[in-house]
Amino acid sequence: MNSPVWSRDVLLTARAECYHVGHPDPLRESVRRLQAYAAAGADVLFAPGPQNAADIKALVEAVAPKPFNLLVVRDIGLTVEDVAALGVRRISVGGALALAAWTGFMRAAETLRSKGSFAGLAGLVPYSEINGLFATDLSGHQVGSR
C-alpha cells in the first residue's frame, strides 16, 4: 500500500507533557505515550522535561529507531556532545535564549535602580558584532551577497 501523499511532505512530532504537568511517574507515562505515538506514525518523539542522563537515555531507547527531541531550557549539567552521545537526535532550547536575554536585562536594570550603577552594562556585546551576526546567515554567507 502506498503512503498518503501528505506523509512525504510532513514531519509529525508527537509530544508527551508528563514531566511538565507533574505526572506521578513521568518517565514511565512518557514512554507509554511516545511508543503509542510512534506506532500511530509519528516521525519524531518529544517529551519535554527530563533533566538527567538516565531518563533521557531511557526515552531515546524507548522510541528507537525514531528520533527523540530533547528540550533544554536550563543548565542540566550535560553538554550538547553528552546529549548526542545519549542518542538524542534533535535538541530544542524553546524560549531559553530569550530568557537569557531578559535575565541580563533584569539584572542590569536592577543594578541601575538599586545601586545607581552602570556595572550591569559591563561586558556587553558591541553593536558591530550584533550587526555582523544579523548580516550573516548560518552558513557563513553575507546576507545579500549571493
Protein backbone atom coordinates (compact mmCIF):
# COMPACT_ATOMS: atom_id res chain seq x y z
CA MET A 1 0.00 0.00 0.00
CA ASN A 2 1.30 3.45 -0.90
CA SER A 3 1.80 6.09 1.76
CA PRO A 4 -0.56 9.06 1.61
CA VAL A 5 0.83 11.99 -0.37
CA TRP A 6 0.94 14.21 2.71
CA SER A 7 3.27 11.83 4.57
CA ARG A 8 6.14 12.67 2.20
CA ASP A 9 5.87 16.38 2.91
CA VAL A 10 5.01 16.48 6.62
CA LEU A 11 7.10 15.70 9.68
CA LEU A 12 4.86 14.80 12.60
CA THR A 13 6.29 15.42 16.06
CA ALA A 14 4.33 13.86 18.93
CA ARG A 15 4.68 15.35 22.40
CA ALA A 16 4.11 13.86 25.86
CA GLU A 17 3.79 16.54 28.55
CA CYS A 18 4.13 14.20 31.55
CA TYR A 19 7.14 15.95 33.11
CA HIS A 20 5.56 19.39 32.71
CA VAL A 21 2.19 18.56 34.25
CA GLY A 22 3.53 16.84 37.37
CA HIS A 23 2.56 13.27 36.46
CA PRO A 24 3.47 10.96 39.39
CA ASP A 25 5.62 8.75 37.10
CA PRO A 26 6.61 10.97 34.18
CA LEU A 27 9.22 8.64 32.72
CA ARG A 28 7.01 5.57 32.54
CA GLU A 29 4.00 7.51 31.27
CA SER A 30 6.09 9.38 28.68
CA VAL A 31 7.47 6.08 27.39
CA ARG A 32 3.96 4.63 27.16
CA ARG A 33 2.62 7.64 25.27
CA LEU A 34 5.60 8.10 22.96
CA GLN A 35 5.59 4.45 21.96
CA ALA A 36 1.88 4.70 21.16
CA TYR A 37 2.54 7.84 19.09
CA ALA A 38 5.37 6.08 17.24
CA ALA A 39 3.11 3.11 16.49
CA ALA A 40 0.49 5.55 15.16
CA GLY A 41 3.02 7.03 12.72
CA ALA A 42 4.72 9.95 14.48
CA ASP A 43 8.12 10.76 12.97
CA VAL A 44 9.78 12.48 15.96
CA LEU A 45 9.02 11.87 19.64
CA PHE A 46 9.21 14.67 22.17
CA ALA A 47 8.86 14.61 25.96
CA PRO A 48 9.89 17.98 27.34
CA GLY A 49 11.21 17.96 30.87
CA PRO A 50 13.69 15.14 31.60
CA GLN A 51 16.66 16.59 33.47
CA ASN A 52 19.07 13.70 33.87
CA ALA A 53 21.05 11.38 31.62
CA ALA A 54 19.29 8.23 32.81
CA ASP A 55 15.80 9.49 31.91
CA ILE A 56 16.98 10.94 28.62
CA LYS A 57 18.69 7.69 27.62
CA ALA A 58 15.62 5.66 28.62
CA LEU A 59 13.39 7.85 26.44
CA VAL A 60 15.78 7.65 23.47
CA GLU A 61 15.91 3.85 23.75
CA ALA A 62 12.14 3.57 24.19
CA VAL A 63 11.42 5.28 20.87
CA ALA A 64 14.35 3.96 18.81
CA PRO A 65 14.86 3.91 15.91
CA LYS A 66 12.73 7.06 15.68
CA PRO A 67 14.43 10.29 16.74
CA PHE A 68 13.89 11.75 20.20
CA ASN A 69 13.69 15.53 20.67
CA LEU A 70 15.05 16.97 23.93
CA LEU A 71 14.03 20.38 25.27
CA VAL A 72 16.74 22.09 27.32
CA VAL A 73 15.73 25.36 28.98
CA ARG A 74 18.30 25.48 31.78
CA ASP A 75 21.73 24.08 32.57
CA ILE A 76 21.11 20.36 33.13
CA GLY A 77 24.80 19.60 33.64
CA LEU A 78 25.17 18.00 30.20
CA THR A 79 26.78 19.34 27.05
CA VAL A 80 25.44 19.07 23.51
CA GLU A 81 28.04 16.33 22.98
CA ASP A 82 26.81 14.48 26.10
CA VAL A 83 23.21 14.67 24.92
CA ALA A 84 24.16 13.46 21.44
CA ALA A 85 26.07 10.55 23.00
CA LEU A 86 22.84 9.55 24.77
CA GLY A 87 21.26 9.22 21.32
CA VAL A 88 19.25 12.45 21.18
CA ARG A 89 18.88 13.47 17.53
CA ARG A 90 17.16 16.85 17.96
CA ILE A 91 17.69 19.47 20.67
CA SER A 92 15.35 22.41 21.25
CA VAL A 93 16.00 25.32 23.56
CA GLY A 94 12.48 26.75 23.39
CA GLY A 95 12.43 30.23 24.86
CA ALA A 96 15.65 29.75 26.84
CA LEU A 97 17.69 32.19 24.74
CA ALA A 98 15.01 34.84 25.21
CA LEU A 99 15.02 34.10 28.96
CA ALA A 100 18.80 34.54 28.99
CA ALA A 101 18.41 37.94 27.34
CA TRP A 102 15.61 39.01 29.71
CA THR A 103 17.62 37.78 32.71
CA GLY A 104 20.53 40.02 31.68
CA PHE A 105 18.13 42.92 31.12
CA MET A 106 16.50 42.49 34.54
CA ARG A 107 19.84 42.20 36.37
CA ALA A 108 21.28 45.28 34.66
CA ALA A 109 18.10 47.28 35.29
CA GLU A 110 18.02 46.23 38.96
CA THR A 111 21.69 47.23 39.41
CA LEU A 112 20.94 50.62 37.87
CA ARG A 113 17.82 51.09 40.01
CA SER A 114 19.13 49.82 43.35
CA LYS A 115 22.76 51.00 43.22
CA GLY A 116 22.66 53.76 40.66
CA SER A 117 25.48 51.86 38.96
CA PHE A 118 26.11 51.10 35.30
CA ALA A 119 28.08 47.97 36.29
CA GLY A 120 25.29 45.80 34.92
CA LEU A 121 26.16 47.09 31.46
CA ALA A 122 29.76 45.80 31.62
CA GLY A 123 30.80 43.21 29.08
CA LEU A 124 28.06 43.93 26.55
CA VAL A 125 28.50 42.69 23.00
CA PRO A 126 29.33 45.67 20.75
CA TYR A 127 26.70 46.82 18.24
CA SER A 128 29.09 46.00 15.38
CA GLU A 129 29.21 42.35 16.46
CA ILE A 130 25.42 42.15 16.72
CA ASN A 131 25.03 43.82 13.32
CA GLY A 132 27.53 41.32 11.89
CA LEU A 133 25.50 38.44 13.29
CA PHE A 134 22.36 39.67 11.58
CA ALA A 135 24.23 40.32 8.33
CA THR A 136 25.49 36.72 8.11
CA ASP A 137 23.32 33.67 7.65
CA LEU A 138 24.06 30.40 9.44
CA SER A 139 26.15 29.06 6.57
CA GLY A 140 28.55 31.99 6.94
CA HIS A 141 27.42 33.88 3.83
CA GLN A 142 26.83 37.57 3.98
CA VAL A 143 23.16 38.32 3.54
CA GLY A 144 22.51 39.69 0.06
CA SER A 145 25.89 38.52 -1.27
CA ARG A 146 24.59 35.52 -3.22
